[in-house]
Amino acid sequence: MVAAGHGAGRRLLLLRLPHVLRLRAPVGARGLLGRGVDGPLLTERTGAAALLTLNRPEKRNALSIDLRERLAEALQRLGSDVDVAAVGLTGAGSAFCSGMDVTQFGGDRPHKQRLVDSSERCFSALARCPKPTVALVNGPALAGGFALALVCDVRVAAPSARFGFPELGRHIPPAYAAAVRALGPGLAADLCLSGRVLDAEEALGTGVVSRIGGREALDEVAAAPPAATAEVKRRILLHGAGAGWLQLMEEEGRVLRAALLDPAARQSSAP
């Protein structure tokens, strides 16, 4: 009887175990994105703060088509979630984001179209997110990764962070629209025309980031009175999403197609 009792208890535990595991699974592992914890984008919810983690550390969190599409979807869903007061963005491993995944630049016309469309959708979703966004730059943020951080409302750097547009050396025009929106015309022109890379201290001194720190910056924004931060974000969107900004983004989209997807255009732009 004792053995039978133990067997019944074991069977009951096994029946309940998947449910227990589902309850304990991170938000990013299910529900919001419907993906496993090993997917390219993770979501963590702590109180009113949502943290999105670019999860391709083996590729230095390069922005693949799939990752850009998932990031756009996550931002749209979090933007409409009344329980979310702030959204953070960081990278897994030692890098924040190394930019576009250049291994995906080939392929047929439909693939190339998806490449460009996913990029435009991702950056547009971040720029238009109605929640305050905080870039927690844990390591190098380069090329499109730097642009991703620049589109966020607040940027915080770890001591190991670096920032810049090295793609200029590959004849690819940097994201001036994101840079000028966040940094103003002088510094934006400097970084876009030189391709120089800043360390965390220089980024702090020039205003690329507002502080050296980490997760506490996201928690502070999420803990602030939500009605007040929502009004501040509304003003940020009004200031940053005017016709000039949208036109510049559209123009950069056209240049991106030519620079990345059209070999003839790349050759003609070479010095």
Protein backbone atom coordinates (compact mmCIF):
# COMPACT_ATOMS: atom_id res chain seq x y z
CA MET A 1 0.00 0.00 0.00
CA VAL A 2 2.85 2.37 0.81
CA ALA A 3 4.50 1.74 -2.56
CA ALA A 4 1.20 2.27 -4.33
CA GLY A 5 0.69 5.51 -2.45
CA HIS A 6 4.12 6.76 -3.45
CA GLY A 7 3.45 5.80 -7.08
CA ALA A 8 0.16 7.67 -7.10
CA GLY A 9 1.81 10.69 -5.56
CA ARG A 10 4.60 10.57 -8.12
CA ARG A 11 2.10 10.37 -10.99
CA LEU A 12 0.19 13.32 -9.54
CA LEU A 13 3.40 15.33 -9.27
CA LEU A 14 4.31 14.57 -12.87
CA LEU A 15 0.88 15.67 -14.01
CA ARG A 16 1.22 18.93 -12.14
CA LEU A 17 4.86 19.64 -12.96
CA PRO A 18 4.36 21.12 -16.46
CA HIS A 19 1.79 23.53 -15.02
CA VAL A 20 4.23 24.58 -12.29
CA LEU A 21 6.96 25.12 -14.85
CA ARG A 22 4.64 27.22 -16.99
CA LEU A 23 3.81 29.44 -14.03
CA ARG A 24 7.49 30.00 -13.34
CA ALA A 25 8.54 30.59 -16.93
CA PRO A 26 9.71 34.16 -17.68
CA VAL A 27 7.24 36.40 -19.44
CA GLY A 28 9.53 36.47 -22.46
CA ALA A 29 9.42 32.69 -22.70
CA ARG A 30 5.69 32.55 -23.35
CA GLY A 31 2.61 34.73 -23.56
CA LEU A 32 3.93 38.01 -24.92
CA LEU A 33 6.07 36.59 -27.68
CA GLY A 34 5.16 32.92 -27.50
CA ARG A 35 8.80 31.84 -27.80
CA GLY A 36 11.21 29.81 -25.70
CA VAL A 37 13.84 31.25 -23.43
CA ASP A 38 16.45 30.47 -26.08
CA GLY A 39 14.81 32.74 -28.67
CA PRO A 40 16.48 35.86 -30.10
CA LEU A 41 14.41 38.22 -27.93
CA LEU A 42 13.67 37.80 -24.22
CA THR A 43 11.17 39.74 -22.14
CA GLU A 44 11.37 40.18 -18.39
CA ARG A 45 8.67 41.89 -16.36
CA THR A 46 9.43 43.34 -12.92
CA GLY A 47 6.57 45.40 -11.59
CA ALA A 48 5.80 48.13 -14.12
CA ALA A 49 9.15 47.73 -15.90
CA ALA A 50 9.55 45.55 -18.99
CA LEU A 51 13.06 44.66 -20.12
CA LEU A 52 13.71 43.42 -23.66
CA THR A 53 16.99 41.57 -24.14
CA LEU A 54 18.53 41.04 -27.57
CA ASN A 55 19.53 37.40 -27.19
CA ARG A 56 22.05 36.54 -29.91
CA PRO A 57 25.28 36.76 -27.88
CA GLU A 58 27.13 34.47 -30.30
CA LYS A 59 26.51 37.12 -32.99
CA ARG A 60 27.06 40.06 -30.63
CA ASN A 61 23.28 40.55 -30.81
CA ALA A 62 23.32 41.45 -34.49
CA LEU A 63 19.86 42.43 -35.74
CA SER A 64 18.61 39.54 -37.85
CA ILE A 65 15.35 39.84 -39.76
CA ASP A 66 13.64 37.60 -37.22
CA LEU A 67 14.94 39.62 -34.27
CA ARG A 68 13.83 42.91 -35.82
CA GLU A 69 10.35 41.54 -36.49
CA ARG A 70 10.03 40.18 -32.95
CA LEU A 71 11.31 43.43 -31.46
CA ALA A 72 8.73 45.42 -33.41
CA GLU A 73 5.97 43.07 -32.25
CA ALA A 74 7.09 43.24 -28.62
CA LEU A 75 7.26 47.04 -28.63
CA GLN A 76 3.78 47.31 -30.10
CA ARG A 77 2.33 44.94 -27.50
CA LEU A 78 4.12 46.54 -24.56
CA GLY A 79 3.09 49.96 -25.81
CA SER A 80 -0.56 49.03 -25.40
CA ASP A 81 -0.14 47.23 -22.04
CA VAL A 82 -1.64 49.38 -19.27
CA ASP A 83 0.48 47.59 -16.66
CA VAL A 84 3.76 48.65 -18.28
CA ALA A 85 5.19 52.05 -17.34
CA ALA A 86 8.61 51.83 -19.01
CA VAL A 87 10.45 49.60 -21.49
CA GLY A 88 14.15 48.84 -21.30
CA LEU A 89 16.40 47.46 -24.03
CA THR A 90 19.69 45.65 -23.45
CA GLY A 91 21.85 42.90 -24.90
CA ALA A 92 22.80 39.41 -23.76
CA GLY A 93 26.47 38.69 -23.17
CA SER A 94 29.19 41.30 -23.58
CA ALA A 95 27.65 43.37 -26.40
CA PHE A 96 24.59 45.59 -26.67
CA CYS A 97 24.19 45.25 -30.43
CA SER A 98 26.67 45.10 -33.31
CA GLY A 99 24.19 46.34 -35.91
CA MET A 100 22.56 44.60 -38.85
CA ASP A 101 23.27 40.90 -39.43
CA VAL A 102 25.35 41.23 -42.60
CA THR A 103 25.11 37.49 -43.30
CA GLN A 104 21.50 38.09 -44.41
CA PHE A 105 22.24 40.74 -47.02
CA GLY A 106 22.04 38.31 -49.95
CA GLY A 107 19.08 36.36 -51.23
CA ASP A 108 16.31 36.93 -53.72
CA ARG A 109 14.14 40.03 -54.12
CA PRO A 110 11.44 38.98 -51.60
CA HIS A 111 14.13 38.30 -49.00
CA LYS A 112 15.74 41.68 -49.63
CA GLN A 113 12.38 43.39 -49.34
CA ARG A 114 11.73 41.67 -46.02
CA LEU A 115 15.18 42.73 -44.83
CA VAL A 116 14.45 46.40 -45.43
CA ASP A 117 10.82 46.26 -44.30
CA SER A 118 11.74 44.60 -41.01
CA SER A 119 14.34 47.27 -40.33
CA GLU A 120 11.93 50.12 -40.98
CA ARG A 121 9.21 48.47 -38.89
CA CYS A 122 11.56 47.82 -35.97
CA PHE A 123 12.94 51.35 -35.75
CA SER A 124 9.52 52.90 -36.32
CA ALA A 125 8.00 50.83 -33.50
CA LEU A 126 10.75 51.96 -31.13
CA ALA A 127 10.53 55.61 -32.17
CA ARG A 128 6.74 55.64 -31.79
CA CYS A 129 6.47 53.55 -28.62
CA PRO A 130 4.09 55.39 -26.24
CA LYS A 131 6.01 54.14 -23.19
CA PRO A 132 9.29 55.72 -22.04
CA THR A 133 12.18 53.68 -23.46
CA VAL A 134 15.55 53.20 -21.78
CA ALA A 135 18.62 51.78 -23.54
CA LEU A 136 20.77 49.91 -21.01
CA VAL A 137 23.94 49.74 -23.10
CA ASN A 138 25.92 46.90 -21.55
CA GLY A 139 28.67 46.78 -24.19
CA PRO A 140 29.47 47.94 -27.74
CA ALA A 141 26.54 49.60 -29.54
CA LEU A 142 27.74 49.97 -33.10
CA ALA A 143 26.19 50.78 -36.48
CA GLY A 144 22.50 49.85 -36.34
CA GLY A 145 22.98 48.97 -32.67
CA PHE A 146 24.03 52.56 -31.98
CA ALA A 147 21.00 53.78 -33.91
CA LEU A 148 18.79 51.50 -31.81
CA ALA A 149 20.11 53.10 -28.63
CA LEU A 150 19.74 56.60 -30.06
CA VAL A 151 16.05 56.08 -30.79
CA CYS A 152 15.43 55.30 -27.10
CA ASP A 153 14.41 58.20 -24.85
CA VAL A 154 17.13 57.55 -22.25
CA ARG A 155 20.57 56.00 -22.73
CA VAL A 156 22.64 54.58 -19.88
CA ALA A 157 26.09 53.09 -20.41
CA ALA A 158 28.01 50.38 -18.62
CA PRO A 159 31.75 51.14 -18.29
CA SER A 160 32.42 48.68 -21.14
CA ALA A 161 30.03 50.39 -23.58
CA ARG A 162 31.22 51.86 -26.87
CA PHE A 163 29.30 53.86 -29.45
CA GLY A 164 29.84 54.64 -33.11
CA PHE A 165 29.02 54.20 -36.79
CA PRO A 166 31.88 52.06 -38.20
CA GLU A 167 29.75 51.07 -41.21
CA LEU A 168 30.88 54.33 -42.82
CA GLY A 169 34.10 52.51 -43.73
CA ARG A 170 32.02 49.98 -45.71
CA HIS A 171 30.40 52.76 -47.78
CA ILE A 172 27.13 52.54 -45.81
CA PRO A 173 25.68 55.92 -44.71
CA PRO A 174 25.02 55.93 -40.94
CA ALA A 175 21.61 56.60 -39.40
CA TYR A 176 21.78 60.40 -39.33
CA ALA A 177 18.05 60.71 -38.61
CA ALA A 178 18.37 58.81 -35.32
CA ALA A 179 21.56 60.68 -34.43
CA VAL A 180 20.28 64.20 -35.08
CA ARG A 181 17.02 63.50 -33.26
CA ALA A 182 18.90 62.43 -30.12
CA LEU A 183 22.13 64.43 -30.26
CA GLY A 184 21.51 67.58 -32.28
CA PRO A 185 23.08 68.50 -35.63
CA GLY A 186 26.65 69.18 -34.49
CA LEU A 187 27.47 65.95 -32.69
CA ALA A 188 25.33 63.91 -35.10
CA ALA A 189 27.29 65.23 -38.07
CA ASP A 190 30.60 64.58 -36.30
CA LEU A 191 29.82 60.94 -35.53
CA CYS A 192 28.17 60.21 -38.89
CA LEU A 193 30.92 61.80 -40.97
CA SER A 194 33.92 60.50 -39.01
CA GLY A 195 32.81 57.01 -38.00
CA ARG A 196 34.77 57.43 -34.77
CA VAL A 197 33.91 55.26 -31.79
CA LEU A 198 33.36 56.71 -28.30
CA ASP A 199 34.00 54.93 -25.03
CA ALA A 200 31.58 55.26 -22.12
CA GLU A 201 33.30 58.25 -20.54
CA GLU A 202 33.43 60.22 -23.80
CA ALA A 203 29.82 59.26 -24.51
CA LEU A 204 28.87 60.70 -21.12
CA GLY A 205 30.87 63.86 -21.70
CA THR A 206 29.34 64.52 -25.11
CA GLY A 207 25.77 63.74 -24.09
CA VAL A 208 25.37 60.49 -26.02
CA VAL A 209 24.38 58.93 -22.67
CA SER A 210 23.01 60.63 -19.58
CA ARG A 211 24.83 58.49 -17.02
CA ILE A 212 27.09 55.54 -16.36
CA GLY A 213 24.99 52.87 -14.72
CA GLY A 214 22.65 49.96 -15.26
CA ARG A 215 19.20 48.55 -14.56
CA GLU A 216 18.39 51.11 -11.85
CA ALA A 217 17.73 53.72 -14.55
CA LEU A 218 14.85 51.66 -15.95
CA ASP A 219 13.44 50.99 -12.50
CA GLU A 220 13.50 54.71 -11.65
CA VAL A 221 11.49 55.61 -14.74
CA ALA A 222 9.04 52.76 -14.15
CA ALA A 223 8.54 53.83 -10.51
CA ALA A 224 7.76 57.46 -11.36
CA PRO A 225 4.09 58.61 -11.38
CA PRO A 226 2.75 57.03 -14.59
CA ALA A 227 0.40 59.87 -15.51
CA ALA A 228 3.29 62.34 -15.37
CA THR A 229 5.70 60.17 -17.37
CA ALA A 230 2.98 59.45 -19.93
CA GLU A 231 2.55 63.19 -20.47
CA VAL A 232 6.31 63.67 -20.79
CA LYS A 233 6.45 60.85 -23.35
CA ARG A 234 3.57 62.43 -25.27
CA ARG A 235 5.63 65.62 -25.53
CA ILE A 236 8.71 63.67 -26.59
CA LEU A 237 6.73 62.07 -29.41
CA LEU A 238 5.34 65.43 -30.51
CA HIS A 239 8.82 66.92 -30.58
CA GLY A 240 10.59 64.00 -32.22
CA ALA A 241 8.00 62.70 -34.68
CA GLY A 242 7.33 65.79 -36.77
CA ALA A 243 7.16 65.86 -40.55
CA GLY A 244 10.88 66.56 -40.90
CA TRP A 245 11.80 63.50 -38.83
CA LEU A 246 9.46 61.25 -40.78
CA GLN A 247 10.69 62.53 -44.14
CA LEU A 248 14.29 62.00 -43.11
CA MET A 249 13.54 58.45 -41.95
CA GLU A 250 11.82 57.71 -45.27
CA GLU A 251 14.76 59.09 -47.21
CA GLU A 252 17.19 56.97 -45.20
CA GLY A 253 15.02 53.95 -45.95
CA ARG A 254 15.48 54.56 -49.67
CA VAL A 255 19.23 55.02 -49.22
CA LEU A 256 19.39 51.85 -47.12
CA ARG A 257 17.87 49.86 -49.97
CA ALA A 258 20.46 51.18 -52.38
CA ALA A 259 23.45 50.95 -50.04
CA LEU A 260 22.76 47.46 -48.70
CA LEU A 261 20.82 45.67 -51.41
CA ASP A 262 21.91 47.09 -54.77
CA PRO A 263 25.51 46.11 -55.72
CA ALA A 264 25.66 48.74 -58.47
CA ALA A 265 24.71 51.47 -56.01
CA ARG A 266 27.36 50.30 -53.54
CA GLN A 267 30.05 50.40 -56.21
CA SER A 268 29.03 53.84 -57.43
CA SER A 269 29.13 55.22 -53.88
CA ALA A 270 32.67 54.00 -53.26
CA PRO A 271 35.34 56.75 -53.32
